[in-house]
PDB file of N, CA and C in Angstrom:
ATOM      1  N   MET A   1       4.301 -20.811 -19.818  1.00  0.00           N
ATOM      2  CA  MET A   1       3.956 -22.079 -19.859  1.00  0.00           C
ATOM      3  C   MET A   1       3.077 -21.755 -18.466  1.00  0.00           C
ATOM      4  N   ASN A   2       1.848 -22.680 -18.157  1.00  0.00           N
ATOM      5  CA  ASN A   2       0.810 -22.633 -17.310  1.00  0.00           C
ATOM      6  C   ASN A   2       1.479 -23.786 -16.570  1.00  0.00           C
ATOM      7  N   LYS A   3       1.276 -23.569 -15.144  1.00  0.00           N
ATOM      8  CA  LYS A   3       1.091 -24.702 -14.127  1.00  0.00           C
ATOM      9  C   LYS A   3       0.686 -24.943 -13.272  1.00  0.00           C
ATOM     10  N   PRO A   4      -0.155 -25.994 -12.806  1.00  0.00           N
ATOM     11  CA  PRO A   4      -1.046 -25.987 -11.915  1.00  0.00           C
ATOM     12  C   PRO A   4      -0.389 -25.674 -10.828  1.00  0.00           C
ATOM     13  N   VAL A   5      -1.142 -25.110  -9.743  1.00  0.00           N
ATOM     14  CA  VAL A   5      -0.448 -24.180  -8.573  1.00  0.00           C
ATOM     15  C   VAL A   5      -1.567 -25.088  -7.311  1.00  0.00           C
ATOM     16  N   THR A   6      -1.243 -25.398  -6.292  1.00  0.00           N
ATOM     17  CA  THR A   6      -1.928 -25.837  -5.020  1.00  0.00           C
ATOM     18  C   THR A   6      -1.792 -24.452  -4.220  1.00  0.00           C
ATOM     19  N   VAL A   7      -3.181 -24.110  -4.010  1.00  0.00           N
ATOM     20  CA  VAL A   7      -3.176 -22.596  -3.015  1.00  0.00           C
ATOM     21  C   VAL A   7      -4.138 -22.653  -2.032  1.00  0.00           C
ATOM     22  N   THR A   8      -3.356 -22.875  -0.316  1.00  0.00           N
ATOM     23  CA  THR A   8      -4.094 -22.805   0.164  1.00  0.00           C
ATOM     24  C   THR A   8      -5.288 -21.402   1.324  1.00  0.00           C
ATOM     25  N   LEU A   9      -5.980 -21.104   1.010  1.00  0.00           N
ATOM     26  CA  LEU A   9      -6.391 -20.078   0.961  1.00  0.00           C
ATOM     27  C   LEU A   9      -7.494 -20.043   2.880  1.00  0.00           C
ATOM     28  N   GLY A  10      -7.407 -21.237   3.284  1.00  0.00           N
ATOM     29  CA  GLY A  10      -8.135 -20.893   4.908  1.00  0.00           C
ATOM     30  C   GLY A  10      -9.307 -20.386   4.685  1.00  0.00           C
ATOM     31  N   ALA A  11      -9.670 -19.604   6.026  1.00  0.00           N
ATOM     32  CA  ALA A  11     -11.012 -18.946   5.477  1.00  0.00           C
ATOM     33  C   ALA A  11     -11.562 -18.214   4.511  1.00  0.00           C
ATOM     34  N   MET A  12     -10.290 -17.862   3.645  1.00  0.00           N
ATOM     35  CA  MET A  12     -10.381 -16.998   2.449  1.00  0.00           C
ATOM     36  C   MET A  12     -11.259 -17.801   1.100  1.00  0.00           C
ATOM     37  N   GLY A  13     -11.246 -19.491   1.683  1.00  0.00           N
ATOM     38  CA  GLY A  13     -11.475 -20.394   0.520  1.00  0.00           C
ATOM     39  C   GLY A  13     -13.070 -20.093   0.374  1.00  0.00           C
ATOM     40  N   ASP A  14     -13.795 -19.753   1.576  1.00  0.00           N
ATOM     41  CA  ASP A  14     -15.173 -19.807   1.732  1.00  0.00           C
ATOM     42  C   ASP A  14     -15.552 -18.114   0.649  1.00  0.00           C
ATOM     43  N   ARG A  15     -14.888 -17.495   1.304  1.00  0.00           N
ATOM     44  CA  ARG A  15     -14.927 -16.237   0.019  1.00  0.00           C
ATOM     45  C   ARG A  15     -15.049 -16.328  -1.211  1.00  0.00           C
ATOM     46  N   ALA A  16     -13.734 -17.073  -1.621  1.00  0.00           N
ATOM     47  CA  ALA A  16     -13.697 -17.374  -3.185  1.00  0.00           C
ATOM     48  C   ALA A  16     -14.634 -18.094  -3.595  1.00  0.00           C
ATOM     49  N   ARG A  17     -15.309 -19.124  -3.004  1.00  0.00           N
ATOM     50  CA  ARG A  17     -16.061 -20.320  -3.447  1.00  0.00           C
ATOM     51  C   ARG A  17     -17.381 -19.397  -3.408  1.00  0.00           C
ATOM     52  N   ALA A  18     -17.772 -18.412  -2.571  1.00  0.00           N
ATOM     53  CA  ALA A  18     -19.446 -17.518  -2.829  1.00  0.00           C
ATOM     54  C   ALA A  18     -19.106 -16.623  -3.904  1.00  0.00           C
ATOM     55  N   HIS A  19     -17.811 -16.298  -4.564  1.00  0.00           N
ATOM     56  CA  HIS A  19     -17.570 -15.392  -5.642  1.00  0.00           C
ATOM     57  C   HIS A  19     -18.302 -16.277  -6.919  1.00  0.00           C
ATOM     58  N   VAL A  20     -17.765 -18.048  -6.946  1.00  0.00           N
ATOM     59  CA  VAL A  20     -17.993 -18.377  -7.834  1.00  0.00           C
ATOM     60  C   VAL A  20     -19.091 -19.044  -8.181  1.00  0.00           C
ATOM     61  N   GLU A  21     -19.846 -19.747  -6.800  1.00  0.00           N
ATOM     62  CA  GLU A  21     -21.347 -19.788  -6.605  1.00  0.00           C
ATOM     63  C   GLU A  21     -22.135 -18.705  -6.957  1.00  0.00           C
ATOM     64  N   SER A  22     -21.826 -17.376  -6.724  1.00  0.00           N
ATOM     65  CA  SER A  22     -22.794 -15.998  -7.104  1.00  0.00           C
ATOM     66  C   SER A  22     -23.085 -15.859  -8.942  1.00  0.00           C
ATOM     67  N   GLY A  23     -22.264 -16.715  -9.597  1.00  0.00           N
ATOM     68  CA  GLY A  23     -21.599 -16.251 -10.897  1.00  0.00           C
ATOM     69  C   GLY A  23     -21.100 -14.800 -11.472  1.00  0.00           C
ATOM     70  N   ARG A  24     -20.055 -14.649 -10.272  1.00  0.00           N
ATOM     71  CA  ARG A  24     -19.681 -13.567 -10.728  1.00  0.00           C
ATOM     72  C   ARG A  24     -18.382 -14.125 -11.557  1.00  0.00           C
ATOM     73  N   TYR A  25     -18.120 -15.308 -11.106  1.00  0.00           N
ATOM     74  CA  TYR A  25     -16.591 -15.602 -11.358  1.00  0.00           C
ATOM     75  C   TYR A  25     -16.960 -17.448 -11.964  1.00  0.00           C
ATOM     76  N   ALA A  26     -16.544 -17.596 -13.106  1.00  0.00           N
ATOM     77  CA  ALA A  26     -16.798 -19.113 -13.651  1.00  0.00           C
ATOM     78  C   ALA A  26     -16.095 -20.132 -12.371  1.00  0.00           C
ATOM     79  N   SER A  27     -15.167 -19.758 -12.289  1.00  0.00           N
ATOM     80  CA  SER A  27     -14.281 -20.759 -11.693  1.00  0.00           C
ATOM     81  C   SER A  27     -13.419 -20.228 -10.208  1.00  0.00           C
ATOM     82  N   LEU A  28     -12.329 -20.940  -9.451  1.00  0.00           N
ATOM     83  CA  LEU A  28     -11.449 -20.250  -8.415  1.00  0.00           C
ATOM     84  C   LEU A  28     -10.452 -19.903  -9.322  1.00  0.00           C
ATOM     85  N   SER A  29      -9.822 -20.177 -10.234  1.00  0.00           N
ATOM     86  CA  SER A  29      -8.895 -20.351 -11.115  1.00  0.00           C
ATOM     87  C   SER A  29      -9.045 -18.574 -11.554  1.00  0.00           C
ATOM     88  N   GLU A  30     -10.446 -18.197 -12.131  1.00  0.00           N
ATOM     89  CA  GLU A  30     -11.119 -16.650 -12.107  1.00  0.00           C
ATOM     90  C   GLU A  30     -10.495 -15.736 -11.293  1.00  0.00           C
ATOM     91  N   VAL A  31     -10.803 -16.367  -9.764  1.00  0.00           N
ATOM     92  CA  VAL A  31     -11.041 -15.551  -8.911  1.00  0.00           C
ATOM     93  C   VAL A  31      -9.633 -14.834  -8.340  1.00  0.00           C
ATOM     94  N   MET A  32      -8.796 -16.014  -8.144  1.00  0.00           N
ATOM     95  CA  MET A  32      -7.251 -15.938  -7.729  1.00  0.00           C
ATOM     96  C   MET A  32      -6.661 -14.793  -9.058  1.00  0.00           C
ATOM     97  N   ARG A  33      -7.248 -15.113 -10.360  1.00  0.00           N
ATOM     98  CA  ARG A  33      -6.470 -14.128 -11.144  1.00  0.00           C
ATOM     99  C   ARG A  33      -6.876 -12.723 -11.187  1.00  0.00           C
ATOM    100  N   ALA A  34      -8.213 -12.732 -10.389  1.00  0.00           N
ATOM    101  CA  ALA A  34      -8.765 -11.080 -10.217  1.00  0.00           C
ATOM    102  C   ALA A  34      -8.216 -10.727  -9.600  1.00  0.00           C
ATOM    103  N   GLY A  35      -7.414 -11.386  -8.083  1.00  0.00           N
ATOM    104  CA  GLY A  35      -7.051 -10.976  -6.756  1.00  0.00           C
ATOM    105  C   GLY A  35      -5.570 -10.811  -7.455  1.00  0.00           C
ATOM    106  N   LEU A  36      -5.021 -10.988  -8.104  1.00  0.00           N
ATOM    107  CA  LEU A  36      -3.598 -11.127  -8.439  1.00  0.00           C
ATOM    108  C   LEU A  36      -3.711  -9.776  -9.320  1.00  0.00           C
ATOM    109  N   ARG A  37      -4.638  -9.653 -10.006  1.00  0.00           N
ATOM    110  CA  ARG A  37      -4.678  -7.902 -10.457  1.00  0.00           C
ATOM    111  C   ARG A  37      -4.833  -7.154 -10.273  1.00  0.00           C
ATOM    112  N   ALA A  38      -5.834  -7.093  -9.020  1.00  0.00           N
ATOM    113  CA  ALA A  38      -6.090  -5.942  -8.170  1.00  0.00           C
ATOM    114  C   ALA A  38      -4.604  -5.710  -7.198  1.00  0.00           C
ATOM    115  N   LEU A  39      -3.982  -6.901  -6.826  1.00  0.00           N
ATOM    116  CA  LEU A  39      -2.583  -6.811  -6.045  1.00  0.00           C
ATOM    117  C   LEU A  39      -1.740  -5.948  -7.233  1.00  0.00           C
ATOM    118  N   ASP A  40      -1.610  -6.008  -8.430  1.00  0.00           N
ATOM    119  CA  ASP A  40      -1.076  -5.515  -9.256  1.00  0.00           C
ATOM    120  C   ASP A  40      -1.259  -4.005  -9.380  1.00  0.00           C
ATOM    121  N   ARG A  41      -2.418  -3.996  -9.425  1.00  0.00           N
ATOM    122  CA  ARG A  41      -3.027  -2.475  -9.399  1.00  0.00           C
ATOM    123  C   ARG A  41      -2.788  -1.591  -8.015  1.00  0.00           C
ATOM    124  N   GLU A  42      -2.708  -2.441  -7.215  1.00  0.00           N
ATOM    125  CA  GLU A  42      -2.515  -2.047  -5.597  1.00  0.00           C
ATOM    126  C   GLU A  42      -0.944  -1.652  -5.625  1.00  0.00           C
ATOM    127  N   GLU A  43      -0.075  -2.295  -5.969  1.00  0.00           N
ATOM    128  CA  GLU A  43       1.412  -2.209  -6.018  1.00  0.00           C
ATOM    129  C   GLU A  43       1.836  -0.751  -6.848  1.00  0.00           C
ATOM    130  N   ALA A  44       0.832  -0.673  -8.193  1.00  0.00           N
ATOM    131  CA  ALA A  44       1.378   0.077  -9.201  1.00  0.00           C
ATOM    132  C   ALA A  44       1.130   1.387  -8.485  1.00  0.00           C
ATOM    133  N   ALA A  45      -0.263   1.591  -7.516  1.00  0.00           N
ATOM    134  CA  ALA A  45      -0.648   2.726  -7.553  1.00  0.00           C
ATOM    135  C   ALA A  45       0.200   3.271  -6.143  1.00  0.00           C
ATOM    136  N   LEU A  46       0.485   2.192  -5.260  1.00  0.00           N
ATOM    137  CA  LEU A  46       1.750   2.688  -4.505  1.00  0.00           C
ATOM    138  C   LEU A  46       3.320   2.902  -4.895  1.00  0.00           C
ATOM    139  N   ASP A  47       3.483   2.323  -5.793  1.00  0.00           N
ATOM    140  CA  ASP A  47       4.672   2.783  -6.482  1.00  0.00           C
ATOM    141  C   ASP A  47       4.896   4.415  -6.996  1.00  0.00           C
ATOM    142  N   ALA A  48       3.556   4.644  -7.735  1.00  0.00           N
ATOM    143  CA  ALA A  48       3.116   5.968  -8.698  1.00  0.00           C
ATOM    144  C   ALA A  48       3.014   6.974  -7.193  1.00  0.00           C
ATOM    145  N   LEU A  49       2.253   6.391  -6.110  1.00  0.00           N
ATOM    146  CA  LEU A  49       2.444   7.374  -5.048  1.00  0.00           C
ATOM    147  C   LEU A  49       3.843   7.679  -4.139  1.00  0.00           C
ATOM    148  N   LEU A  50       4.589   6.409  -3.992  1.00  0.00           N
ATOM    149  CA  LEU A  50       6.298   6.705  -3.820  1.00  0.00           C
ATOM    150  C   LEU A  50       7.041   7.841  -4.673  1.00  0.00           C
ATOM    151  N   LYS A  51       6.734   7.128  -6.069  1.00  0.00           N
ATOM    152  CA  LYS A  51       7.427   8.270  -6.828  1.00  0.00           C
ATOM    153  C   LYS A  51       7.445   9.506  -6.650  1.00  0.00           C
ATOM    154  N   ALA A  52       6.083  10.004  -6.672  1.00  0.00           N
ATOM    155  CA  ALA A  52       5.468  11.348  -6.573  1.00  0.00           C
ATOM    156  C   ALA A  52       5.797  11.974  -5.092  1.00  0.00           C
ATOM    157  N   LYS A  53       6.010  11.132  -4.248  1.00  0.00           N
ATOM    158  CA  LYS A  53       6.641  11.984  -3.021  1.00  0.00           C
ATOM    159  C   LYS A  53       7.991  12.286  -3.272  1.00  0.00           C
ATOM    160  N   VAL A  54       8.712  11.142  -3.314  1.00  0.00           N
ATOM    161  CA  VAL A  54      10.521  11.238  -3.681  1.00  0.00           C
ATOM    162  C   VAL A  54      10.564  12.454  -4.895  1.00  0.00           C
ATOM    163  N   GLU A  55       9.678  12.817  -5.964  1.00  0.00           N
ATOM    164  CA  GLU A  55       9.995  14.053  -6.869  1.00  0.00           C
ATOM    165  C   GLU A  55       9.226  15.269  -6.413  1.00  0.00           C
ATOM    166  N   ALA A  56       8.804  15.309  -5.425  1.00  0.00           N
ATOM    167  CA  ALA A  56       8.525  16.197  -4.739  1.00  0.00           C
ATOM    168  C   ALA A  56       9.138  16.510  -3.545  1.00  0.00           C
ATOM    169  N   ALA A  57       9.852  15.716  -3.091  1.00  0.00           N
ATOM    170  CA  ALA A  57      10.867  16.080  -1.910  1.00  0.00           C
ATOM    171  C   ALA A  57      11.880  16.636  -2.421  1.00  0.00           C
ATOM    172  N   LEU A  58      12.177  16.144  -4.051  1.00  0.00           N
ATOM    173  CA  LEU A  58      13.861  16.612  -4.560  1.00  0.00           C
ATOM    174  C   LEU A  58      13.629  17.918  -5.206  1.00  0.00           C
ATOM    175  N   ALA A  59      12.162  18.471  -5.336  1.00  0.00           N
ATOM    176  CA  ALA A  59      11.987  19.821  -5.841  1.00  0.00           C
ATOM    177  C   ALA A  59      11.706  20.530  -4.660  1.00  0.00           C
ATOM    178  N   ASP A  60      11.746  20.403  -3.850  1.00  0.00           N
ATOM    179  CA  ASP A  60      11.513  21.093  -2.347  1.00  0.00           C
ATOM    180  C   ASP A  60      12.187  22.190  -2.434  1.00  0.00           C
ATOM    181  N   GLY A  61      12.474  23.698  -2.764  1.00  0.00           N
ATOM    182  CA  GLY A  61      12.977  24.225  -2.755  1.00  0.00           C
ATOM    183  C   GLY A  61      13.320  25.144  -1.181  1.00  0.00           C
ATOM    184  N   ARG A  62      12.837  24.337  -0.474  1.00  0.00           N
ATOM    185  CA  ARG A  62      13.336  24.613   1.034  1.00  0.00           C
ATOM    186  C   ARG A  62      14.830  24.296   1.666  1.00  0.00           C
ATOM    187  N   PRO A  63      15.565  25.244   2.309  1.00  0.00           N
ATOM    188  CA  PRO A  63      16.932  24.487   2.946  1.00  0.00           C
ATOM    189  C   PRO A  63      16.815  23.498   3.607  1.00  0.00           C
ATOM    190  N   LEU A  64      17.815  22.819   3.305  1.00  0.00           N
ATOM    191  CA  LEU A  64      18.118  21.847   3.812  1.00  0.00           C
ATOM    192  C   LEU A  64      18.599  21.581   5.576  1.00  0.00           C
ATOM    193  N   MET A  65      17.646  20.264   6.292  1.00  0.00           N
ATOM    194  CA  MET A  65      17.841  20.569   7.835  1.00  0.00           C
ATOM    195  C   MET A  65      18.844  19.318   7.692  1.00  0.00           C
ATOM    196  N   SER A  66      19.819  19.369   9.005  1.00  0.00           N
ATOM    197  CA  SER A  66      20.245  18.604   9.690  1.00  0.00           C
ATOM    198  C   SER A  66      19.403  17.297  10.374  1.00  0.00           C
ATOM    199  N   LEU A  67      19.520  16.196  10.449  1.00  0.00           N
ATOM    200  CA  LEU A  67      18.834  15.560  11.497  1.00  0.00           C
ATOM    201  C   LEU A  67      18.292  16.031  12.902  1.00  0.00           C
ATOM    202  N   ASP A  68      19.486  16.688  13.122  1.00  0.00           N
ATOM    203  CA  ASP A  68      19.200  17.142  14.716  1.00  0.00           C
ATOM    204  C   ASP A  68      18.504  18.076  14.663  1.00  0.00           C
ATOM    205  N   GLU A  69      18.235  19.093  13.674  1.00  0.00           N
ATOM    206  CA  GLU A  69      17.565  20.233  13.595  1.00  0.00           C
ATOM    207  C   GLU A  69      16.034  19.645  13.252  1.00  0.00           C
ATOM    208  N   ALA A  70      16.222  18.700  12.564  1.00  0.00           N
ATOM    209  CA  ALA A  70      14.605  18.452  12.299  1.00  0.00           C
ATOM    210  C   ALA A  70      13.939  17.947  13.752  1.00  0.00           C
ATOM    211  N   PHE A  71      14.739  17.113  14.547  1.00  0.00           N
ATOM    212  CA  PHE A  71      14.109  16.574  15.970  1.00  0.00           C
ATOM    213  C   PHE A  71      14.165  18.011  16.775  1.00  0.00           C
ATOM    214  N   GLU A  72      14.902  18.767  17.085  1.00  0.00           N
ATOM    215  CA  GLU A  72      14.954  19.831  17.755  1.00  0.00           C
ATOM    216  C   GLU A  72      13.138  20.552  17.258  1.00  0.00           C
ATOM    217  N   ALA A  73      13.202  20.781  15.816  1.00  0.00           N
ATOM    218  CA  ALA A  73      11.821  21.132  15.566  1.00  0.00           C
ATOM    219  C   ALA A  73      10.645  20.613  15.780  1.00  0.00           C
ATOM    220  N   VAL A  74      10.669  19.111  15.671  1.00  0.00           N
ATOM    221  CA  VAL A  74       9.633  18.819  16.220  1.00  0.00           C
ATOM    222  C   VAL A  74       9.642  18.717  17.683  1.00  0.00           C
ATOM    223  N   GLU A  75      10.468  18.578  18.196  1.00  0.00           N
ATOM    224  CA  GLU A  75      10.534  18.694  19.772  1.00  0.00           C
ATOM    225  C   GLU A  75       9.753  19.987  20.115  1.00  0.00           C
ATOM    226  N   ARG A  76      10.352  21.097  19.412  1.00  0.00           N
ATOM    227  CA  ARG A  76       9.429  22.461  19.779  1.00  0.00           C
ATOM    228  C   ARG A  76       8.301  22.553  19.344  1.00  0.00           C
ATOM    229  N   SER A  77       7.522  21.582  18.191  1.00  0.00           N
ATOM    230  CA  SER A  77       6.334  21.968  17.969  1.00  0.00           C
ATOM    231  C   SER A  77       5.757  21.471  18.774  1.00  0.00           C
ATOM    232  N   ALA A  78       6.253  19.621  19.349  1.00  0.00           N
ATOM    233  CA  ALA A  78       5.292  19.119  20.253  1.00  0.00           C
ATOM    234  C   ALA A  78       5.150  20.073  21.783  1.00  0.00           C
ATOM    235  N   ARG A  79       6.135  20.935  22.151  1.00  0.00           N
ATOM    236  CA  ARG A  79       6.205  21.621  23.557  1.00  0.00           C
ATOM    237  C   ARG A  79       5.048  22.665  23.276  1.00  0.00           C
ATOM    238  N   VAL A  80       5.050  23.327  22.045  1.00  0.00           N
ATOM    239  CA  VAL A  80       4.321  24.516  22.049  1.00  0.00           C
ATOM    240  C   VAL A  80       2.447  23.531  22.167  1.00  0.00           C
ATOM    241  N   ARG A  81       2.359  22.569  21.574  1.00  0.00           N
ATOM    242  CA  ARG A  81       1.269  21.875  21.536  1.00  0.00           C
ATOM    243  C   ARG A  81       0.756  21.448  22.671  1.00  0.00           C
ATOM    244  N   ARG A  82       1.502  20.981  23.729  1.00  0.00           N
ATOM    245  CA  ARG A  82       1.676  20.950  25.010  1.00  0.00           C
ATOM    246  C   ARG A  82       1.311  21.758  25.436  1.00  0.00           C
ATOM    247  N   GLY A  83       1.660  23.105  25.462  1.00  0.00           N
ATOM    248  CA  GLY A  83       1.777  24.106  26.273  1.00  0.00           C
ATOM    249  C   GLY A  83       2.885  24.442  27.179  1.00  0.00           C
ATOM    250  N   ASP A  84       3.873  23.759  26.669  1.00  0.00           N
ATOM    251  CA  ASP A  84       5.138  23.757  27.422  1.00  0.00           C
ATOM    252  C   ASP A  84       5.716  25.002  27.125  1.00  0.00           C
ATOM    253  N   VAL A  85       5.330  25.850  26.619  1.00  0.00           N
ATOM    254  CA  VAL A  85       6.425  27.012  26.216  1.00  0.00           C
ATOM    255  C   VAL A  85       6.247  28.149  26.911  1.00  0.00           C
TER     256      VAL A  85
END
């Protein structure tokens, strides 16, 4: 069921109205729906990226490393880059 919603856009209201005035959208409602569709696409892309990163991490065949070992490796790498070695 569709129900009217009041939205305060602040400074973005001018941008939304400009989209309507340009003829690209017929109403502010269309602008808002387009914005929500864009947000849905962005969130889906981020979810897919996160899933791919987790899958890659789980498939990584390198031996596991403790947190202490990881910090030591990072500190060693930083010392080498600074020339402290």
